Structure formats: C-alpha cells, structure tokens
Amino acid sequence: MNNLIILPILIPLLAAVLLIFMNKSIKLMRVFSAISSLTAVVVTAVLVQTVFTEGIQTLYVGGWKPPFGIVLVADQFASLLALTTAIIGFLTVLYSFRSIGQQRERFFYYSAIQFLLAGVSGAFLTGDLFNLFVFFEVLLMASYVLIVIGGTKIQLRESLKYIVFNIISSALFVIGVAYLYAVTGTLNMADLSVRISESGQTGLITVIALLFLIVFGLKGGIFPLYFWMPGSYYAPPAPIATLFGALLTKVGMYAIARVFTLIFTQDAAFTHQLMIWLAALTIIFGVIGSIAYWDVQKIIIYNIVTAVGVILFGIAANTPASIEGSIYYLIHDMIIKGVLFMLGGALFALTGTNNLKKMGGLIKSHPVLGWMFLLSAISLAGVPPFSGFIGKLKIAEGGFRSGEFVITMLMLLSSLLVLYSVAKIFIYGFWGDVQKDTQTKGSIKSYIFPAAILLTLSLAIGIVTELAAPYFHQAADTLVNPKTYIEAVLKE
C-alpha cells in the first residue's frame, strides 16, 4: 500500500501533461480534468484512512533508504492537507466551467491547475527539504502561468511583483538548504531532526532556522512579509484566486509547522517566542485591512492574513492543544476561504463590481447566495458549532496553558472583527436598496454548486466533530511527538 503515497502527486502530474495535448477541445479538457481531480480525491481519501488504521506510510523512491534517497512520507497531518487540496482542486475545476471563460481555457488553464495541485500535494508529502524546494518550484511555476493567463493589465502588473518576491524567496530557500546541508550533511527531515539534536550547534542552527522562517513566512504571508499578497491575489479571476487563497499560503504554514516541530526545536525559547509576536502582528494587520476595505475581494484576502496569524500562534505556542487547534484551523481555513472566493466570484458576476457601496438588495433576487455568505462569515469567525470554533478553542486553550494570555485574548477579540468584516459583505451587499445599475442578469447556479459542497464540508467538520476528531488528534500527535515520524522514516 506504500505506493499509494505517490498517487496524489502522480495523478495530477500525468493529467497536467496529457491536458497539454487536448487544448483543441475545451469540452475534452473539462471532462478529463474533472475526472482526474475526482480520482485524486478518492485516492487521497483512501490514503488518509490507510494512515489512520496502519500508521505513517513511507515510500523510498528507487529503493534508496534515507538519508541517501528520495522519501515520501504520509503522516496524518500531510494526508489530511493533501485530501483537502484534492477536494478544493476538484471543485475549483467544476467552478471554472462557467466562470473562467473559454479564452483562458484554451491557454493550458486546466493543465496549469493540475501542475499546481501536484506541486502542493508533493510539498505536503515529501520527507526531504530539497524536494520540498522542488515541489515549491513546481507549484510556483504553475501559479506564474495562472496569475498572468488572460493578460489583463492588473494581472500583468501584479504578476511582476508576485514573481519577483517568489524568486527572492526561492533563492533564500536554496541558500538555507545549502547552509543546512553544510552543517549537518543531510536534508532528510527525519535525519535532520536526529543530527541537529546531537550536534549541539544551537547558535548556528538558530540562524539557519530564522532564514527558513523568512522563506516560509514570505510564502505563508506572515507579518511583515505579506505585502505582496493583497495585490497578487486580487488580480486574477475568481477560480484562480480561489486556488491561491485556499492553498498557496497554507503550504508555507505547513512548512513552518513541520520544520519547527521536527527540526528546529533546540532553541524554542527564542524561535517560538519570535513566532508568537509575529503571529500577533499578523493578526492585527490582517484585521485592520479586512475592516478598512469596502472591496469584497480585499476583505477576503486580508482575512487570509488574519488566519495565517492565528495558525502561526497555535504552532508557536507549542502545546498539544494549540498544535491540534492549528491543524483544525488550517484545514478549516483552506475550505472556508475557498467558499468565500467562490461566492465572491458569484457576487462579481451578478453586479460587475467588488465595491460594496455599489451593491445592495441582492437577498431578494438571490437568497441562497446571501445566506451562504452569512453561514461562511459565521464559520470564518469561529462561532460555535461551525468548524472555525473548534480550532480557535483549542488554540486558545493551548495559548492559556503556555502563559500567552494577552495574545490569546487578542486572537479571540480578532474573531469579532473578522465576523464584522465578512458580515459587512452580507449587510451591504444583500440588504438595503437594490442597485439596479450594477446588477446583471444571468444564472449563478454553476457558481453556487461547488461552493455549497465546500460549505457543507466546513459545517460537517464543526457539527460532527466526534467523527473527525480522531483524525485530527492523530495528525497533531505526529507533530507533538516527532519520534513517531522519525522512527517511521528511518526504520531499518
């Protein structure tokens, strides 16, 4: 069954290559991409269940044992994230059929999506830092295509900034990998954990850890490294923004969670305390942005920044409860941001604008869209019993246990402001007077359906927590007790 690990990477990768040769037929590309994405969902779901029942799964590519060969590792943390990625990828493909436009579809749009999904899944499932860099580059190359596809003025302007800062981040990543290899002689993450714990080179390792925090902070969007995100995520159309908002920053947060619980644990009093303060600042500036704007898309984007801060705080508090809460909230945020970007795209399709001051009265003509927005807002803010509540509750518990009372209260207070920022969309967009001059006719059922599935999944995680809890607890246990991960990878 270990060969199952490679399929969440291999399926979208092969699909991406084959889709390149199908660009003459849009219908064929749609059907093939949807079938491939659905297959990836099924395979990854099987992988999650396999890890749950049989424990961590490993695959030594080419038969070479670590630290000399490439190893793929599926613990429950990585598997759950890979499954969430596959689900979002599949539903985004369905969402794209009406929302992206045939002009973009012809220019290898579905192929780029599959390359992106392969890169994201690979980043989650690799057990090697250099291959983490490789998969980052795969997903970034695909994202470069997606952010410019269509060639609008705003896309071309923001893509330059997006590409430049990601190139800088990738260069720093390579430098960090080189320094780490020079010090330890290995890049296998499990082997790195063992060697660093035995080396005693705390000062030098701490400097390298800070370099990786900068790299993953740039990709994850933590303060003050999130400045590239609002414009870059605002530029592309809704399906692409959905993928970016739901997946890309989360890969950076996954990397921080992995390396700062497995590898860089020798100077936690400094590195994790620094992350706690960065988390607090990230939450503050994310909230400020989300309540300051009257643009639907920018409100959602700045709420990504706030969520990144919440997740980072849970990781940095470094207690079993806070880490489990971060995993809950990470997966919750992937799903709910996907919902919000899809619904935002539907709102734009109806009104032709993202400006809330030019909307109003849509609840009369589109009540389903309005109430879905409201449910999404409640879930995003962490109101019980929705999925955001569980993660924040556990992070708060962990924050109090670690003695971070002020920042924990800040995180809880931010929930009210997050609720206000998204509820503002519902209040001003769906209530009030009808703004006929900005409304257009047309069905948005194809926009609603994928968002409804994601929203249902989000609600299910919160309402039937007892079914999901064992999976999340197992995922957290690997991070809290990295010895399990190390033994699974380095076994004879």
Protein backbone atom coordinates (compact mmCIF):
# COMPACT_ATOMS: atom_id res chain seq x y z
CA MET A 1 0.00 0.00 0.00
CA ASN A 2 3.01 2.34 0.33
CA ASN A 3 2.84 3.03 -3.41
CA LEU A 4 -0.44 4.79 -2.66
CA ILE A 5 1.57 7.77 -1.35
CA ILE A 6 2.80 8.80 -4.78
CA LEU A 7 -0.62 8.78 -6.46
CA PRO A 8 -1.85 12.17 -5.11
CA ILE A 9 1.22 13.62 -6.84
CA LEU A 10 1.37 11.39 -9.88
CA ILE A 11 -2.31 11.66 -10.91
CA PRO A 12 -2.39 15.48 -11.32
CA LEU A 13 1.12 15.45 -12.78
CA LEU A 14 0.21 12.99 -15.54
CA ALA A 15 -3.11 14.77 -16.07
CA ALA A 16 -1.28 18.09 -16.50
CA VAL A 17 0.98 16.63 -19.19
CA LEU A 18 -1.89 14.97 -21.08
CA LEU A 19 -4.02 18.10 -20.92
CA ILE A 20 -1.36 19.99 -22.85
CA PHE A 21 -2.25 17.88 -25.90
CA MET A 22 -6.01 18.41 -25.52
CA ASN A 23 -6.13 22.18 -25.95
CA LYS A 24 -8.07 21.90 -29.22
CA SER A 25 -11.16 20.70 -27.36
CA ILE A 26 -12.38 22.67 -24.36
CA LYS A 27 -15.04 20.08 -23.56
CA LEU A 28 -12.49 17.28 -23.51
CA MET A 29 -10.18 19.30 -21.24
CA ARG A 30 -13.02 19.99 -18.82
CA VAL A 31 -14.14 16.37 -18.62
CA PHE A 32 -10.63 14.94 -18.34
CA SER A 33 -9.55 17.49 -15.71
CA ALA A 34 -12.68 16.85 -13.63
CA ILE A 35 -12.26 13.07 -13.80
CA SER A 36 -8.56 13.30 -12.91
CA SER A 37 -9.27 15.61 -9.99
CA LEU A 38 -12.06 13.40 -8.68
CA THR A 39 -9.77 10.36 -8.94
CA ALA A 40 -7.17 12.22 -6.88
CA VAL A 41 -9.82 12.93 -4.22
CA VAL A 42 -10.74 9.24 -3.97
CA VAL A 43 -7.13 8.06 -3.86
CA THR A 44 -6.14 10.63 -1.24
CA ALA A 45 -9.18 9.73 0.90
CA VAL A 46 -8.00 6.11 0.83
CA LEU A 47 -4.54 7.29 1.85
CA VAL A 48 -5.98 9.19 4.83
CA GLN A 49 -7.84 6.09 6.00
CA THR A 50 -4.77 3.89 5.45
CA VAL A 51 -2.63 6.18 7.61
CA PHE A 52 -5.35 6.26 10.25
CA THR A 53 -5.57 2.47 10.52
CA GLU A 54 -1.99 1.42 9.74
CA GLY A 55 0.12 4.38 10.82
CA ILE A 56 2.60 6.56 8.92
CA GLN A 57 3.27 5.39 5.37
CA THR A 58 6.63 5.83 3.65
CA LEU A 59 7.87 5.29 0.12
CA TYR A 60 11.58 5.12 -0.70
CA VAL A 61 11.70 6.20 -4.33
CA GLY A 62 14.06 3.92 -6.27
CA GLY A 63 14.53 1.75 -3.19
CA TRP A 64 17.21 4.05 -1.71
CA LYS A 65 16.91 4.31 2.07
CA PRO A 66 17.17 7.71 3.79
CA PRO A 67 19.17 9.84 4.11
CA PHE A 68 20.57 8.97 0.65
CA GLY A 69 17.38 8.63 -1.39
CA ILE A 70 14.15 10.49 -2.00
CA VAL A 71 11.47 9.59 0.51
CA LEU A 72 7.77 10.38 0.53
CA VAL A 73 6.10 10.38 3.93
CA ALA A 74 2.37 10.35 4.59
CA ASP A 75 1.55 11.04 8.22
CA GLN A 76 -1.98 12.11 9.09
CA PHE A 77 -1.09 15.82 9.04
CA ALA A 78 0.23 15.69 5.47
CA SER A 79 -2.51 13.30 4.33
CA LEU A 80 -5.37 15.49 5.58
CA LEU A 81 -3.87 18.52 3.86
CA ALA A 82 -3.38 16.56 0.63
CA LEU A 83 -7.02 15.42 0.77
CA THR A 84 -8.26 18.97 1.36
CA THR A 85 -6.11 20.13 -1.57
CA ALA A 86 -7.58 17.47 -3.86
CA ILE A 87 -11.16 18.39 -2.88
CA ILE A 88 -10.58 22.11 -3.44
CA GLY A 89 -8.84 21.37 -6.75
CA PHE A 90 -11.75 19.24 -7.98
CA LEU A 91 -14.40 21.78 -7.01
CA THR A 92 -12.39 24.65 -8.49
CA VAL A 93 -12.26 22.78 -11.79
CA LEU A 94 -16.08 22.46 -11.71
CA TYR A 95 -16.38 26.12 -10.72
CA SER A 96 -14.21 27.13 -13.68
CA PHE A 97 -16.53 25.73 -16.34
CA ARG A 98 -18.72 28.86 -16.32
CA SER A 99 -16.54 31.40 -14.54
CA ILE A 100 -13.11 31.38 -16.20
CA GLY A 101 -14.01 31.87 -19.87
CA GLN A 102 -13.02 29.90 -22.94
CA GLN A 103 -10.26 32.31 -23.89
CA ARG A 104 -8.31 31.36 -20.79
CA GLU A 105 -9.27 27.70 -21.00
CA ARG A 106 -7.58 27.40 -24.39
CA PHE A 107 -4.23 28.56 -23.00
CA PHE A 108 -3.50 25.46 -20.90
CA TYR A 109 -5.56 26.63 -17.93
CA TYR A 110 -6.54 23.15 -16.73
CA SER A 111 -3.03 21.86 -17.24
CA ALA A 112 -1.67 24.65 -15.02
CA ILE A 113 -4.22 23.79 -12.31
CA GLN A 114 -3.10 20.16 -12.31
CA PHE A 115 0.58 21.14 -12.12
CA LEU A 116 -0.29 23.39 -9.19
CA LEU A 117 -2.14 20.57 -7.40
CA ALA A 118 0.79 18.20 -8.00
CA GLY A 119 3.20 20.73 -6.51
CA VAL A 120 1.04 21.41 -3.45
CA SER A 121 0.44 17.71 -2.74
CA GLY A 122 4.13 16.96 -3.26
CA ALA A 123 5.12 19.69 -0.78
CA PHE A 124 2.86 18.09 1.82
CA LEU A 125 4.05 14.53 1.23
CA THR A 126 7.80 14.92 0.76
CA GLY A 127 10.15 13.92 3.57
CA ASP A 128 13.14 15.83 2.23
CA LEU A 129 13.89 19.57 2.41
CA PHE A 130 15.41 19.79 -1.06
CA ASN A 131 12.42 18.06 -2.59
CA LEU A 132 10.22 20.43 -0.63
CA PHE A 133 12.02 23.18 -2.56
CA VAL A 134 11.44 21.30 -5.83
CA PHE A 135 7.71 20.96 -5.21
CA PHE A 136 7.53 24.60 -4.19
CA GLU A 137 9.01 25.47 -7.57
CA VAL A 138 6.52 23.22 -9.38
CA LEU A 139 3.56 24.94 -7.75
CA LEU A 140 5.13 28.37 -8.24
CA MET A 141 5.75 27.78 -11.95
CA ALA A 142 2.11 26.77 -12.34
CA SER A 143 0.98 29.80 -10.34
CA TYR A 144 3.04 32.09 -12.62
CA VAL A 145 1.04 30.80 -15.57
CA LEU A 146 -2.27 31.16 -13.75
CA ILE A 147 -1.67 34.67 -12.49
CA VAL A 148 -0.94 36.03 -15.99
CA ILE A 149 -3.35 33.92 -18.03
CA GLY A 150 -5.76 36.27 -19.76
CA GLY A 151 -3.21 39.09 -19.90
CA THR A 152 -5.26 41.86 -18.29
CA LYS A 153 -3.42 44.99 -17.22
CA ILE A 154 -3.82 44.37 -13.49
CA GLN A 155 -2.68 40.76 -13.86
CA LEU A 156 0.49 41.74 -15.70
CA ARG A 157 1.28 44.46 -13.16
CA GLU A 158 0.74 42.29 -10.10
CA SER A 159 2.40 39.23 -11.64
CA LEU A 160 5.72 41.08 -11.81
CA LYS A 161 5.63 41.74 -8.09
CA TYR A 162 4.46 38.20 -7.37
CA ILE A 163 7.21 36.61 -9.47
CA VAL A 164 10.00 38.86 -8.15
CA PHE A 165 9.26 38.18 -4.49
CA ASN A 166 8.83 34.46 -5.05
CA ILE A 167 12.15 34.34 -6.89
CA ILE A 168 13.77 36.07 -3.91
CA SER A 169 12.09 33.59 -1.57
CA SER A 170 13.27 30.64 -3.67
CA ALA A 171 16.84 31.98 -3.71
CA LEU A 172 16.80 32.28 0.08
CA PHE A 173 15.37 28.75 0.26
CA VAL A 174 18.31 27.38 -1.74
CA ILE A 175 20.77 29.28 0.46
CA GLY A 176 19.12 27.90 3.60
CA VAL A 177 19.21 24.36 2.22
CA ALA A 178 22.90 24.76 1.32
CA TYR A 179 23.85 26.03 4.78
CA LEU A 180 21.86 23.30 6.49
CA TYR A 181 23.49 20.60 4.37
CA ALA A 182 26.94 22.06 5.04
CA VAL A 183 26.30 21.88 8.79
CA THR A 184 24.54 18.52 9.01
CA GLY A 185 25.40 16.56 5.84
CA THR A 186 21.76 15.62 5.22
CA LEU A 187 18.48 17.08 4.01
CA ASN A 188 16.13 14.27 5.01
CA MET A 189 13.85 15.89 7.58
CA ALA A 190 13.78 12.94 9.97
CA ASP A 191 17.56 12.54 9.76
CA LEU A 192 17.98 16.31 10.23
CA SER A 193 15.99 16.12 13.45
CA VAL A 194 18.30 13.43 14.82
CA ARG A 195 21.55 15.08 13.75
CA ILE A 196 20.64 18.57 14.96
CA SER A 197 19.59 17.24 18.35
CA GLU A 198 23.02 15.59 18.62
CA SER A 199 25.13 18.40 17.17
CA GLY A 200 24.98 20.99 19.91
CA GLN A 201 25.45 23.81 17.33
CA THR A 202 22.49 25.74 18.71
CA GLY A 203 23.58 29.25 17.67
CA LEU A 204 24.34 28.39 14.05
CA ILE A 205 21.22 26.26 13.70
CA THR A 206 19.12 29.09 15.13
CA VAL A 207 20.41 31.46 12.44
CA ILE A 208 19.51 28.91 9.76
CA ALA A 209 16.10 28.44 11.41
CA LEU A 210 15.46 32.18 11.12
CA LEU A 211 16.39 32.04 7.44
CA PHE A 212 13.81 29.31 6.89
CA LEU A 213 11.26 31.31 8.88
CA ILE A 214 11.79 34.20 6.45
CA VAL A 215 11.45 31.87 3.45
CA PHE A 216 8.29 30.17 4.64
CA GLY A 217 6.98 33.43 6.09
CA LEU A 218 7.19 35.02 2.64
CA LYS A 219 5.29 32.11 1.14
CA GLY A 220 2.82 31.88 4.03
CA GLY A 221 2.14 35.61 4.30
CA ILE A 222 3.15 36.37 7.91
CA PHE A 223 3.90 39.92 9.10
CA PRO A 224 5.73 41.84 7.67
CA LEU A 225 6.20 39.58 4.65
CA TYR A 226 2.57 39.52 3.45
CA PHE A 227 2.76 42.81 1.49
CA TRP A 228 2.85 41.05 -1.88
CA MET A 229 -0.34 39.08 -1.21
CA PRO A 230 -3.27 41.56 -1.42
CA GLY A 231 -2.46 42.76 -4.93
CA SER A 232 -1.36 39.38 -6.29
CA TYR A 233 -4.48 37.56 -5.07
CA TYR A 234 -6.75 40.40 -6.20
CA ALA A 235 -5.54 40.41 -9.82
CA PRO A 236 -6.65 37.02 -11.26
CA PRO A 237 -10.27 35.92 -11.79
CA ALA A 238 -12.24 34.14 -9.08
CA PRO A 239 -11.29 30.48 -9.79
CA ILE A 240 -7.58 31.28 -9.73
CA ALA A 241 -7.97 33.48 -6.64
CA THR A 242 -9.78 30.53 -5.02
CA LEU A 243 -6.80 28.25 -5.59
CA PHE A 244 -4.31 30.86 -4.46
CA GLY A 245 -6.24 31.89 -1.35
CA ALA A 246 -7.12 28.37 -0.26
CA LEU A 247 -3.82 26.62 -1.00
CA LEU A 248 -0.68 28.68 -1.55
CA THR A 249 -0.23 30.39 1.81
CA LYS A 250 -1.18 27.14 3.53
CA VAL A 251 1.82 25.38 2.02
CA GLY A 252 4.04 27.95 3.72
CA MET A 253 2.25 27.42 7.04
CA TYR A 254 2.57 23.66 6.67
CA ALA A 255 6.32 24.05 6.14
CA ILE A 256 6.64 26.20 9.28
CA ALA A 257 4.65 23.68 11.30
CA ARG A 258 6.75 20.79 10.03
CA VAL A 259 10.24 22.20 10.45
CA PHE A 260 9.62 23.99 13.76
CA THR A 261 8.20 20.89 15.42
CA LEU A 262 10.58 18.37 13.86
CA ILE A 263 13.89 20.07 13.00
CA PHE A 264 14.33 23.48 14.65
CA THR A 265 13.38 22.67 18.23
CA GLN A 266 16.70 23.29 20.01
CA ASP A 267 16.19 26.99 20.72
CA ALA A 268 12.41 27.15 21.07
CA ALA A 269 12.59 29.83 23.78
CA PHE A 270 13.83 32.24 21.09
CA THR A 271 12.42 30.99 17.77
CA HIS A 272 8.93 30.15 19.02
CA GLN A 273 8.64 33.33 21.09
CA LEU A 274 9.58 35.32 18.00
CA MET A 275 6.87 33.49 16.05
CA ILE A 276 4.32 34.32 18.76
CA TRP A 277 4.97 38.05 18.38
CA LEU A 278 4.94 37.78 14.58
CA ALA A 279 1.62 35.95 14.87
CA ALA A 280 0.18 38.75 16.98
CA LEU A 281 1.27 41.41 14.50
CA THR A 282 -0.04 39.33 11.59
CA ILE A 283 -3.46 39.09 13.26
CA ILE A 284 -3.54 42.83 13.99
CA PHE A 285 -2.62 43.96 10.48
CA GLY A 286 -4.87 41.38 8.87
CA VAL A 287 -7.85 42.59 10.90
CA ILE A 288 -7.06 46.24 10.16
CA GLY A 289 -7.02 45.52 6.43
CA SER A 290 -10.22 43.49 6.46
CA ILE A 291 -12.29 46.11 8.30
CA ALA A 292 -10.81 49.05 6.42
CA TYR A 293 -11.75 47.98 2.88
CA TRP A 294 -15.13 48.10 1.14
CA ASP A 295 -13.95 45.75 -1.59
CA VAL A 296 -15.28 42.19 -1.30
CA GLN A 297 -12.15 40.56 -2.66
CA LYS A 298 -9.76 42.57 -0.47
CA ILE A 299 -11.81 41.86 2.66
CA ILE A 300 -11.44 38.13 1.98
CA ILE A 301 -7.72 38.46 1.19
CA TYR A 302 -6.92 40.32 4.41
CA ASN A 303 -8.83 37.66 6.32
CA ILE A 304 -6.29 35.20 4.91
CA VAL A 305 -3.59 37.25 6.65
CA THR A 306 -5.53 37.13 9.93
CA ALA A 307 -5.95 33.36 9.65
CA VAL A 308 -2.23 32.92 8.98
CA GLY A 309 -1.56 34.75 12.25
CA VAL A 310 -3.97 32.51 14.17
CA ILE A 311 -2.40 29.34 12.74
CA LEU A 312 1.12 30.61 13.43
CA PHE A 313 0.21 31.41 17.04
CA GLY A 314 -1.04 27.87 17.59
CA ILE A 315 2.18 26.42 16.19
CA ALA A 316 4.39 28.79 18.19
CA ALA A 317 2.53 28.21 21.49
CA ASN A 318 3.79 24.65 21.04
CA THR A 319 1.36 22.79 23.27
CA PRO A 320 -0.58 19.67 22.25
CA ALA A 321 -3.87 21.59 22.31
CA SER A 322 -2.59 24.58 20.32
CA ILE A 323 -0.95 22.42 17.66
CA GLU A 324 -4.10 20.35 17.22
CA GLY A 325 -6.06 23.60 17.05
CA SER A 326 -3.74 24.93 14.34
CA ILE A 327 -4.34 21.81 12.26
CA TYR A 328 -8.10 22.17 12.69
CA TYR A 329 -7.93 25.85 11.80
CA LEU A 330 -5.55 25.32 8.88
CA ILE A 331 -7.88 22.85 7.18
CA HIS A 332 -10.95 24.89 8.14
CA ASP A 333 -9.42 27.99 6.60
CA MET A 334 -8.48 26.23 3.38
CA ILE A 335 -12.09 25.17 2.95
CA ILE A 336 -13.84 28.36 4.06
CA LYS A 337 -11.56 30.64 2.04
CA GLY A 338 -12.36 28.50 -0.99
CA VAL A 339 -16.07 29.07 -0.27
CA LEU A 340 -15.66 32.83 0.16
CA PHE A 341 -13.65 33.32 -3.02
CA MET A 342 -16.21 31.29 -4.98
CA LEU A 343 -19.10 33.27 -3.54
CA GLY A 344 -17.20 36.50 -4.14
CA GLY A 345 -16.82 35.47 -7.78
CA ALA A 346 -20.57 34.87 -7.99
CA LEU A 347 -21.23 38.29 -6.47
CA PHE A 348 -18.95 39.93 -9.02
CA ALA A 349 -20.65 38.04 -11.86
CA LEU A 350 -24.01 39.45 -10.72
CA THR A 351 -23.01 43.03 -10.07
CA GLY A 352 -19.91 43.63 -12.18
CA THR A 353 -18.16 45.19 -9.18
CA ASN A 354 -16.42 44.29 -5.91
CA ASN A 355 -17.32 47.62 -4.30
CA LEU A 356 -19.84 47.10 -1.50
CA LYS A 357 -21.01 50.70 -1.78
CA LYS A 358 -22.33 49.92 -5.26
CA MET A 359 -24.30 46.84 -4.19
CA GLY A 360 -27.48 46.21 -2.25
CA GLY A 361 -30.72 44.30 -2.13
CA LEU A 362 -29.39 41.08 -3.60
CA ILE A 363 -31.09 38.96 -0.91
CA LYS A 364 -34.38 39.49 -2.75
CA SER A 365 -33.21 38.00 -6.02
CA HIS A 366 -30.51 35.63 -4.76
CA PRO A 367 -31.37 34.48 -1.23
CA VAL A 368 -29.31 31.27 -1.44
CA LEU A 369 -26.15 33.23 -2.23
CA GLY A 370 -26.86 35.62 0.63
CA TRP A 371 -27.46 33.00 3.29
CA MET A 372 -24.40 31.05 2.16
CA PHE A 373 -22.35 34.20 2.64
CA LEU A 374 -23.75 34.60 6.14
CA LEU A 375 -23.00 30.98 7.10
CA SER A 376 -19.48 31.35 5.71
CA ALA A 377 -18.96 34.50 7.75
CA ILE A 378 -20.11 32.80 10.94
CA SER A 379 -17.85 29.81 10.30
CA LEU A 380 -14.86 32.01 9.44
CA ALA A 381 -15.22 33.95 12.70
CA GLY A 382 -15.26 30.77 14.76
CA VAL A 383 -18.84 30.93 16.06
CA PRO A 384 -19.94 27.57 17.53
CA PRO A 385 -20.74 24.97 16.32
CA PHE A 386 -19.07 25.76 12.99
CA SER A 387 -15.62 24.45 12.03
CA GLY A 388 -13.69 27.61 12.87
CA PHE A 389 -14.79 27.38 16.51
CA ILE A 390 -13.03 24.09 17.25
CA GLY A 391 -9.65 25.25 16.01
CA LYS A 392 -9.77 28.59 17.82
CA LEU A 393 -10.97 26.95 21.03
CA LYS A 394 -8.04 24.55 21.08
CA ILE A 395 -5.55 27.27 20.11
CA ALA A 396 -6.92 29.44 22.93
CA GLU A 397 -6.61 26.55 25.36
CA GLY A 398 -3.02 25.99 24.29
CA GLY A 399 -2.27 29.72 24.44
CA PHE A 400 -3.53 29.97 28.01
CA ARG A 401 -1.59 26.86 29.03
CA SER A 402 1.61 28.34 27.59
CA GLY A 403 1.07 31.57 29.53
CA GLU A 404 0.39 33.79 26.50
CA PHE A 405 -2.73 35.38 27.96
CA VAL A 406 -2.56 38.74 26.18
CA ILE A 407 -2.03 37.36 22.70
CA THR A 408 -4.64 34.66 23.25
CA MET A 409 -7.17 37.35 24.19
CA LEU A 410 -6.08 39.33 21.12
CA MET A 411 -6.79 36.31 18.95
CA LEU A 412 -10.24 35.86 20.49
CA LEU A 413 -11.04 39.57 20.10
CA SER A 414 -10.00 39.39 16.45
CA SER A 415 -12.81 36.88 15.89
CA LEU A 416 -15.38 39.63 16.47
CA LEU A 417 -13.67 41.93 13.99
CA VAL A 418 -13.35 39.12 11.45
CA LEU A 419 -17.08 38.48 11.83
CA TYR A 420 -17.80 42.18 11.31
CA SER A 421 -15.59 42.39 8.21
CA VAL A 422 -17.32 39.49 6.44
CA ALA A 423 -20.78 40.25 7.79
CA LYS A 424 -20.30 43.69 6.20
CA ILE A 425 -20.47 41.93 2.83
CA PHE A 426 -23.80 40.38 3.78
CA ILE A 427 -25.23 43.58 5.26
CA TYR A 428 -24.27 45.97 2.48
CA GLY A 429 -24.32 43.55 -0.44
CA PHE A 430 -27.58 41.75 0.28
CA TRP A 431 -29.68 44.15 2.37
CA GLY A 432 -30.59 47.75 1.66
CA ASP A 433 -31.83 49.25 -1.57
CA VAL A 434 -31.45 47.44 -4.86
CA GLN A 435 -28.73 48.98 -7.03
CA LYS A 436 -30.18 48.20 -10.43
CA ASP A 437 -27.45 49.95 -12.37
CA THR A 438 -24.84 47.44 -11.21
CA GLN A 439 -26.89 44.26 -11.46
CA THR A 440 -26.84 41.99 -14.45
CA LYS A 441 -29.00 39.05 -15.40
CA GLY A 442 -27.79 35.50 -15.55
CA SER A 443 -27.74 32.23 -13.66
CA ILE A 444 -25.12 31.64 -11.00
CA LYS A 445 -26.08 28.03 -10.22
CA SER A 446 -22.75 26.78 -11.56
CA TYR A 447 -21.03 29.19 -9.15
CA ILE A 448 -23.15 28.11 -6.18
CA PHE A 449 -22.87 24.32 -6.51
CA PRO A 450 -19.11 23.88 -5.85
CA ALA A 451 -19.23 26.49 -3.07
CA ALA A 452 -22.19 24.69 -1.47
CA ILE A 453 -20.25 21.42 -1.35
CA LEU A 454 -17.27 23.11 0.32
CA LEU A 455 -19.54 24.95 2.77
CA THR A 456 -21.30 21.69 3.65
CA LEU A 457 -17.91 20.10 4.33
CA SER A 458 -16.95 23.02 6.56
CA LEU A 459 -20.19 22.76 8.52
CA ALA A 460 -19.82 18.98 8.82
CA ILE A 461 -16.36 19.28 10.39
CA GLY A 462 -17.83 21.50 13.09
CA ILE A 463 -21.15 19.76 13.68
CA VAL A 464 -19.96 16.12 13.68
CA THR A 465 -16.64 16.79 15.37
CA GLU A 466 -16.61 13.42 17.10
CA LEU A 467 -16.14 11.70 13.73
CA ALA A 468 -13.30 13.96 12.56
CA ALA A 469 -11.57 14.39 15.93
CA PRO A 470 -9.59 11.10 15.91
CA TYR A 471 -8.01 12.02 12.57
CA PHE A 472 -7.03 15.49 13.75
CA HIS A 473 -5.73 14.13 17.03
CA GLN A 474 -3.55 11.63 15.18
CA ALA A 475 -2.27 14.43 12.94
CA ALA A 476 -1.36 16.56 15.95
CA ASP A 477 0.28 13.66 17.76
CA THR A 478 2.89 13.34 15.00
CA LEU A 479 3.90 16.98 15.47
CA VAL A 480 3.82 16.84 19.26
CA ASN A 481 5.77 13.56 19.36
CA PRO A 482 8.13 13.73 16.34
CA LYS A 483 9.81 10.49 17.44
CA THR A 484 6.93 8.63 15.74
CA TYR A 485 7.71 10.36 12.44
CA ILE A 486 11.46 9.80 12.78
CA GLU A 487 11.08 6.09 13.52
CA ALA A 488 8.68 5.60 10.60
CA VAL A 489 11.14 7.22 8.15
CA LEU A 490 14.44 5.89 9.46
CA LYS A 491 13.30 2.36 10.16
CA GLU A 492 15.67 -0.37 9.07
